[in-house]
Structures are given as structure tokens and as C-alpha cells.
Amino acid sequence: MIRLYPAYWFAVLFTTAALIAVPGVWERLRLREVLLDLTMLPSGSGVPDVDGVYWTLWSELRFHLLLPVVVAMGLTYRRVVVFCRVWGAVAMPAPVARLPLLELAANPDGAWYSIAGLALHLVHRFGQDLLLRGILAMAWLMGQLEPGNRIEDVERVSGRRGSVAVVTVFLLFMVAVALGYTDRIRWKWLVTAGAMTYSLYLVHCAAGTALIARLRDTMDARLPIAVLVTGFLLLSYLIHRFVERPLSRLLKRGLDTSFARLRNANNRP
């Protein structure tokens, strides 16, 4: 969480400013909604996100609330496998159960990607077997629902075949990583590129599409795409270098001091 917030705060303010500067493409949020967005918890309060792609952060936060249950019991191979199976069994019927608290906790929109990630970690740590392959297969099958619905109902840029292809390619790549097939790749620039992905994810969508909508009728469509891709990559690096890294260090230092004080505090008020 220390790493997530600094870049996120910047991205919320940047996207808000971009939508003010380029109106008419996306709905602008009111000031109180923007302020609530800074908590990274607007979805839990029924407030829209400044940028629609931030829905994944709400999903990730719920995963981080579930994981401590397993950590408290002790992280073993067996317990993580049981956790994946129980979570999947609960997430599967959650959308039709009509129980809001169950859907909130089970997180059916994002559960299968988190389950796949846990299974891939076990593959990387202990090696593959039929049980883990079965968990990955179920996660792949169930994981088709969310992107397919989102593409058809929200994005409208492709169809379900496209979403199946995207999910499949990314999962196969992560399987290759977990099995060690990419261990020989030692390109130094990949470290920087990987560090930039979070910042790029945060700033590219609403601001980028608003600028494309404004510029596409004034010039060759390929030019704004090339300029914006280059510009957002540069912006992502600057956010990582001058916002995310220094603020994360400050937050970590301050929280370490606060938690040390909490541990050493006298029980009496």
C-alpha cells in the first residue's frame, strides 16, 4: 500500500486536471467526489472513479483484506491451495446469490486473477502438478467472464474472442515465467519498464482517450497516437522517479516510526 498511494494521488489530480482542460469526452466529477477518490475507496462508497480503470484497485484492496487471514494461519502450500479452492467456490455463485456482503467479500470480478496469481506463485515455488494445473485452468475459464462483459458493455472495442485471446496470452506468459522459461532474460531496462507499468496504468486511459477524441479530427490519427504513447511513457517514468520513489520512502519512514511507537506504547492511555 505504501507504494500504491503516492502515484495514485498524483494520477487522480492529473486526470482531473486533464478532464477539465479537455471537457466533453468524460464526465467530470465534483470536488467532493475527487477528494473521496484520493482515498482509493470510492467504489466502496458508491462514488465513481476519476478514471474507469481504477476499478481494479478496489478489487486488489479486497484481495489484500482476505490474504491476512491465510497469513495469520501460516503460509504453507496446503493452506494456500485450500484458500484458492474455498475462495473460488464462494466467488463462483456470488454474482447470483444476491447477497451484497458476500459479493463484496468474495470479489467475483477479480477473484480468479488473484487465484491464478497465487497458483502461479506455488508453481514457481514448488513446481507444477495436476492440482495446480486444475486451479489455473479453472481460473482461466472463469476469468473470461469479466473482461468479456466489460468489452461488450463498456469498452465496445472488440468482442469476446478478443478478450479470450488477451487473457490467454497473458496467462500463458505468466505460466512461462513461473516455470522459469524466462530466467535467462536479464535485460536491465526491464526493471525500469516494470516499475513504470503502475504509473502508466494510472494515467493513460481517461486523459489519453480525451486527448485522442479532441485531436483525431485535426490531424492524421496516427500522429496523436504516437505522440501520446511517447508522452505517457515519459510521464510514467517521471512519476516513478520523482513522485512514487521519494514519497514511498517518506511514507515508509514515517509509518515505521509510528508502528514502532505503537508497539512500545504503554497500554494505559
Protein backbone atom coordinates (compact mmCIF):
# COMPACT_ATOMS: atom_id res chain seq x y z
CA MET A 1 0.00 0.00 0.00
CA ILE A 2 2.91 2.36 0.66
CA ARG A 3 3.90 2.01 -2.98
CA LEU A 4 0.38 2.33 -4.37
CA TYR A 5 -0.75 5.63 -2.90
CA PRO A 6 1.82 8.27 -4.00
CA ALA A 7 1.48 7.61 -7.74
CA TYR A 8 -2.27 7.17 -7.32
CA TRP A 9 -2.69 10.57 -5.65
CA PHE A 10 -0.78 12.22 -8.48
CA ALA A 11 -2.80 10.34 -11.10
CA VAL A 12 -6.15 11.37 -9.61
CA LEU A 13 -5.14 15.03 -9.67
CA PHE A 14 -3.56 14.75 -13.13
CA THR A 15 -6.60 13.03 -14.64
CA THR A 16 -8.97 15.54 -13.03
CA ALA A 17 -6.94 18.42 -14.48
CA ALA A 18 -6.86 16.73 -17.92
CA LEU A 19 -10.63 16.28 -17.98
CA ILE A 20 -11.10 19.93 -17.01
CA ALA A 21 -8.75 21.01 -19.79
CA VAL A 22 -10.41 18.72 -22.36
CA PRO A 23 -14.14 18.71 -21.49
CA GLY A 24 -16.95 16.89 -23.23
CA VAL A 25 -15.44 13.42 -23.51
CA TRP A 26 -15.69 12.05 -19.98
CA GLU A 27 -17.91 13.21 -17.16
CA ARG A 28 -16.11 15.43 -14.67
CA LEU A 29 -16.52 14.55 -11.02
CA ARG A 30 -17.48 17.08 -8.41
CA LEU A 31 -14.84 18.28 -5.98
CA ARG A 32 -16.09 16.15 -3.09
CA GLU A 33 -16.02 13.08 -5.34
CA VAL A 34 -12.45 13.80 -6.41
CA LEU A 35 -11.44 14.19 -2.76
CA LEU A 36 -13.06 10.85 -1.91
CA ASP A 37 -11.24 9.28 -4.86
CA LEU A 38 -7.95 10.16 -3.18
CA THR A 39 -8.73 7.51 -0.55
CA MET A 40 -8.70 4.78 -3.24
CA LEU A 41 -12.03 3.66 -1.75
CA PRO A 42 -14.70 5.44 -3.84
CA SER A 43 -16.24 2.19 -5.12
CA GLY A 44 -16.94 1.16 -1.54
CA SER A 45 -18.92 4.36 -1.07
CA GLY A 46 -20.80 4.27 -4.37
CA VAL A 47 -18.79 7.14 -5.84
CA PRO A 48 -17.47 6.87 -9.43
CA ASP A 49 -13.75 6.67 -10.09
CA VAL A 50 -11.99 9.59 -11.74
CA ASP A 51 -10.77 7.07 -14.31
CA GLY A 52 -12.76 3.91 -15.00
CA VAL A 53 -9.70 1.65 -14.99
CA TYR A 54 -9.29 2.22 -11.25
CA TRP A 55 -11.93 -0.46 -10.62
CA THR A 56 -9.06 -2.95 -10.44
CA LEU A 57 -7.62 -1.14 -7.41
CA TRP A 58 -10.84 -1.73 -5.48
CA SER A 59 -10.59 -5.39 -6.43
CA GLU A 60 -6.96 -5.53 -5.31
CA LEU A 61 -7.74 -3.87 -1.98
CA ARG A 62 -10.31 -6.54 -1.20
CA PHE A 63 -7.75 -9.23 -2.01
CA HIS A 64 -5.33 -7.64 0.45
CA LEU A 65 -8.05 -7.79 3.11
CA LEU A 66 -8.55 -11.52 2.52
CA LEU A 67 -4.91 -12.55 2.35
CA PRO A 68 -4.07 -11.70 6.01
CA VAL A 69 -6.46 -14.50 7.02
CA VAL A 70 -4.13 -17.03 5.38
CA VAL A 71 -1.01 -15.24 6.60
CA ALA A 72 -2.30 -15.35 10.18
CA MET A 73 -2.81 -19.11 9.89
CA GLY A 74 0.66 -19.59 8.41
CA LEU A 75 1.59 -19.61 4.74
CA THR A 76 2.03 -23.22 3.70
CA TYR A 77 1.49 -24.93 0.37
CA ARG A 78 -1.59 -26.76 1.63
CA ARG A 79 -3.22 -23.71 3.19
CA VAL A 80 -2.75 -21.56 0.09
CA VAL A 81 -4.26 -24.32 -2.07
CA VAL A 82 -7.23 -24.64 0.29
CA PHE A 83 -7.62 -20.86 0.31
CA CYS A 84 -7.72 -20.78 -3.51
CA ARG A 85 -10.29 -23.56 -3.66
CA VAL A 86 -12.56 -22.10 -0.97
CA TRP A 87 -12.32 -18.60 -2.42
CA GLY A 88 -13.18 -19.88 -5.89
CA ALA A 89 -16.11 -21.89 -4.56
CA VAL A 90 -17.50 -18.79 -2.86
CA ALA A 91 -16.75 -16.38 -5.72
CA MET A 92 -18.43 -18.55 -8.35
CA PRO A 93 -22.05 -18.22 -7.11
CA ALA A 94 -21.61 -14.78 -5.53
CA PRO A 95 -22.99 -12.74 -8.50
CA VAL A 96 -26.32 -14.64 -8.48
CA ALA A 97 -26.64 -15.07 -4.71
CA ARG A 98 -28.00 -11.53 -4.32
CA LEU A 99 -26.10 -11.11 -1.06
CA PRO A 100 -24.20 -7.81 -1.25
CA LEU A 101 -21.85 -8.63 1.62
CA LEU A 102 -20.95 -11.97 0.05
CA GLU A 103 -20.23 -10.33 -3.30
CA LEU A 104 -18.20 -7.62 -1.58
CA ALA A 105 -16.05 -10.15 0.27
CA ALA A 106 -15.75 -12.77 -2.49
CA ASN A 107 -14.84 -10.17 -5.13
CA PRO A 108 -16.05 -12.27 -8.10
CA ASP A 109 -14.87 -9.71 -10.67
CA GLY A 110 -11.23 -10.05 -9.68
CA ALA A 111 -11.05 -13.25 -7.63
CA TRP A 112 -9.98 -15.51 -10.49
CA TYR A 113 -6.99 -13.38 -11.42
CA SER A 114 -5.80 -13.34 -7.81
CA ILE A 115 -6.35 -17.10 -7.53
CA ALA A 116 -4.32 -17.59 -10.71
CA GLY A 117 -1.56 -15.42 -9.26
CA LEU A 118 -1.43 -17.47 -6.06
CA ALA A 119 -1.35 -20.71 -8.05
CA LEU A 120 1.45 -19.37 -10.24
CA HIS A 121 3.42 -18.48 -7.12
CA LEU A 122 3.05 -22.07 -5.91
CA VAL A 123 4.15 -23.36 -9.33
CA HIS A 124 7.22 -21.15 -9.18
CA ARG A 125 7.99 -22.09 -5.58
CA PHE A 126 7.19 -25.82 -5.53
CA GLY A 127 6.80 -26.88 -9.15
CA GLN A 128 3.70 -27.83 -11.11
CA ASP A 129 1.30 -30.70 -10.54
CA LEU A 130 -2.17 -31.70 -11.68
CA LEU A 131 -3.90 -29.87 -8.82
CA LEU A 132 -2.24 -26.54 -9.59
CA ARG A 133 -2.87 -27.00 -13.30
CA GLY A 134 -6.54 -27.58 -12.46
CA ILE A 135 -6.70 -24.39 -10.38
CA LEU A 136 -5.09 -22.43 -13.22
CA ALA A 137 -7.47 -23.95 -15.77
CA MET A 138 -10.50 -23.02 -13.66
CA ALA A 139 -9.15 -19.50 -13.14
CA TRP A 140 -8.62 -19.17 -16.90
CA LEU A 141 -12.14 -20.36 -17.71
CA MET A 142 -13.89 -18.26 -15.07
CA GLY A 143 -11.62 -15.30 -15.75
CA GLN A 144 -13.12 -14.89 -19.23
CA LEU A 145 -16.39 -13.52 -17.85
CA GLU A 146 -15.30 -10.13 -16.50
CA PRO A 147 -13.26 -8.87 -19.49
CA GLY A 148 -15.85 -10.21 -21.94
CA ASN A 149 -18.67 -8.36 -20.20
CA ARG A 150 -16.57 -5.23 -19.86
CA ILE A 151 -15.63 -5.17 -23.54
CA GLU A 152 -19.21 -5.71 -24.68
CA ASP A 153 -20.92 -3.40 -22.19
CA VAL A 154 -18.34 -0.68 -21.51
CA GLU A 155 -15.34 -0.59 -23.82
CA ARG A 156 -17.00 -1.75 -27.06
CA VAL A 157 -13.63 -2.05 -28.80
CA SER A 158 -13.65 -5.77 -29.58
CA GLY A 159 -15.63 -8.89 -28.84
CA ARG A 160 -15.42 -11.88 -26.54
CA ARG A 161 -12.96 -13.60 -28.85
CA GLY A 162 -10.57 -10.71 -28.39
CA SER A 163 -10.91 -10.81 -24.61
CA VAL A 164 -10.32 -14.59 -24.58
CA ALA A 165 -7.17 -14.11 -26.66
CA VAL A 166 -5.82 -11.36 -24.38
CA VAL A 167 -6.44 -13.28 -21.14
CA THR A 168 -4.98 -16.46 -22.64
CA VAL A 169 -1.81 -14.82 -23.93
CA PHE A 170 -1.10 -13.07 -20.64
CA LEU A 171 -1.77 -16.19 -18.58
CA LEU A 172 0.48 -18.32 -20.80
CA PHE A 173 3.23 -15.75 -20.47
CA MET A 174 2.94 -15.77 -16.67
CA VAL A 175 3.00 -19.59 -16.71
CA ALA A 176 6.25 -19.40 -18.68
CA VAL A 177 7.66 -17.01 -16.06
CA ALA A 178 6.55 -19.26 -13.18
CA LEU A 179 8.16 -22.30 -14.82
CA GLY A 180 11.44 -20.45 -15.22
CA TYR A 181 11.48 -20.27 -19.02
CA THR A 182 12.26 -16.55 -18.90
CA ASP A 183 15.03 -16.74 -16.28
CA ARG A 184 17.72 -16.18 -18.89
CA ILE A 185 16.30 -12.79 -19.84
CA ARG A 186 18.40 -10.26 -17.92
CA TRP A 187 17.84 -7.03 -19.81
CA LYS A 188 18.42 -4.15 -17.39
CA TRP A 189 15.81 -1.90 -18.96
CA LEU A 190 13.08 -4.39 -17.99
CA VAL A 191 13.46 -3.34 -14.34
CA THR A 192 12.68 0.28 -15.22
CA ALA A 193 9.91 -0.74 -17.61
CA GLY A 194 8.30 -2.88 -14.94
CA ALA A 195 8.48 -0.06 -12.42
CA MET A 196 6.71 2.24 -14.90
CA THR A 197 3.73 -0.03 -15.54
CA TYR A 198 1.74 1.06 -12.47
CA SER A 199 2.12 4.76 -13.27
CA LEU A 200 1.25 4.17 -16.92
CA TYR A 201 -1.85 2.23 -15.93
CA LEU A 202 -2.97 5.10 -13.69
CA VAL A 203 -2.69 7.97 -16.16
CA HIS A 204 -3.23 6.59 -19.66
CA CYS A 205 -6.94 5.88 -20.08
CA ALA A 206 -9.25 8.83 -19.40
CA ALA A 207 -6.69 11.53 -20.14
CA GLY A 208 -5.39 9.72 -23.22
CA THR A 209 -8.77 9.00 -24.78
CA ALA A 210 -9.94 12.56 -24.08
CA LEU A 211 -6.92 13.95 -25.92
CA ILE A 212 -7.36 11.49 -28.80
CA ALA A 213 -11.02 12.50 -29.16
CA ARG A 214 -10.01 16.16 -29.30
CA LEU A 215 -7.16 15.68 -31.80
CA ARG A 216 -8.32 12.89 -34.10
CA ASP A 217 -10.26 15.19 -36.47
CA THR A 218 -7.50 17.77 -36.75
CA MET A 219 -4.63 15.58 -38.00
CA ASP A 220 -3.64 12.14 -39.19
CA ALA A 221 -4.89 9.75 -36.49
CA ARG A 222 -1.50 8.04 -36.28
CA LEU A 223 0.25 11.21 -35.16
CA PRO A 224 -1.65 11.82 -31.86
CA ILE A 225 -1.36 8.09 -31.05
CA ALA A 226 2.42 8.19 -31.49
CA VAL A 227 2.76 11.45 -29.56
CA LEU A 228 0.54 10.31 -26.70
CA VAL A 229 2.20 6.89 -26.35
CA THR A 230 5.60 8.57 -26.16
CA GLY A 231 4.31 11.28 -23.84
CA PHE A 232 2.62 8.91 -21.42
CA LEU A 233 5.67 6.65 -21.27
CA LEU A 234 7.80 9.67 -20.38
CA LEU A 235 5.23 10.87 -17.85
CA SER A 236 5.12 7.40 -16.28
CA TYR A 237 8.88 7.40 -15.83
CA LEU A 238 8.80 10.88 -14.26
CA ILE A 239 6.03 9.83 -11.88
CA HIS A 240 8.01 6.77 -10.82
CA ARG A 241 11.25 8.71 -10.45
CA PHE A 242 10.08 11.93 -8.80
CA VAL A 243 6.76 11.05 -7.13
CA GLU A 244 6.50 7.35 -6.36
CA ARG A 245 10.02 6.62 -5.13
CA PRO A 246 10.63 9.65 -2.88
CA LEU A 247 7.12 9.75 -1.39
CA SER A 248 7.14 5.99 -0.78
CA ARG A 249 10.38 6.34 1.17
CA LEU A 250 8.92 9.17 3.25
CA LEU A 251 5.76 7.20 3.97
CA LYS A 252 7.71 4.08 4.91
CA ARG A 253 9.98 6.03 7.24
CA GLY A 254 7.04 7.74 8.92
CA LEU A 255 4.98 4.57 9.27
CA ASP A 256 7.93 2.59 10.61
CA THR A 257 8.31 5.22 13.32
CA SER A 258 4.57 5.23 14.03
CA PHE A 259 4.30 1.44 14.30
CA ALA A 260 7.41 1.26 16.47
CA ARG A 261 5.81 3.78 18.79
CA LEU A 262 2.59 1.76 18.76
CA ARG A 263 4.42 -1.45 19.70
CA ASN A 264 6.29 0.24 22.52
CA ALA A 265 3.38 2.30 23.81
CA ASN A 266 2.10 1.80 27.31
CA ASN A 267 -1.30 0.14 27.42
CA ARG A 268 -2.63 2.90 29.64
CA PRO A 269 -3.99 5.99 27.82
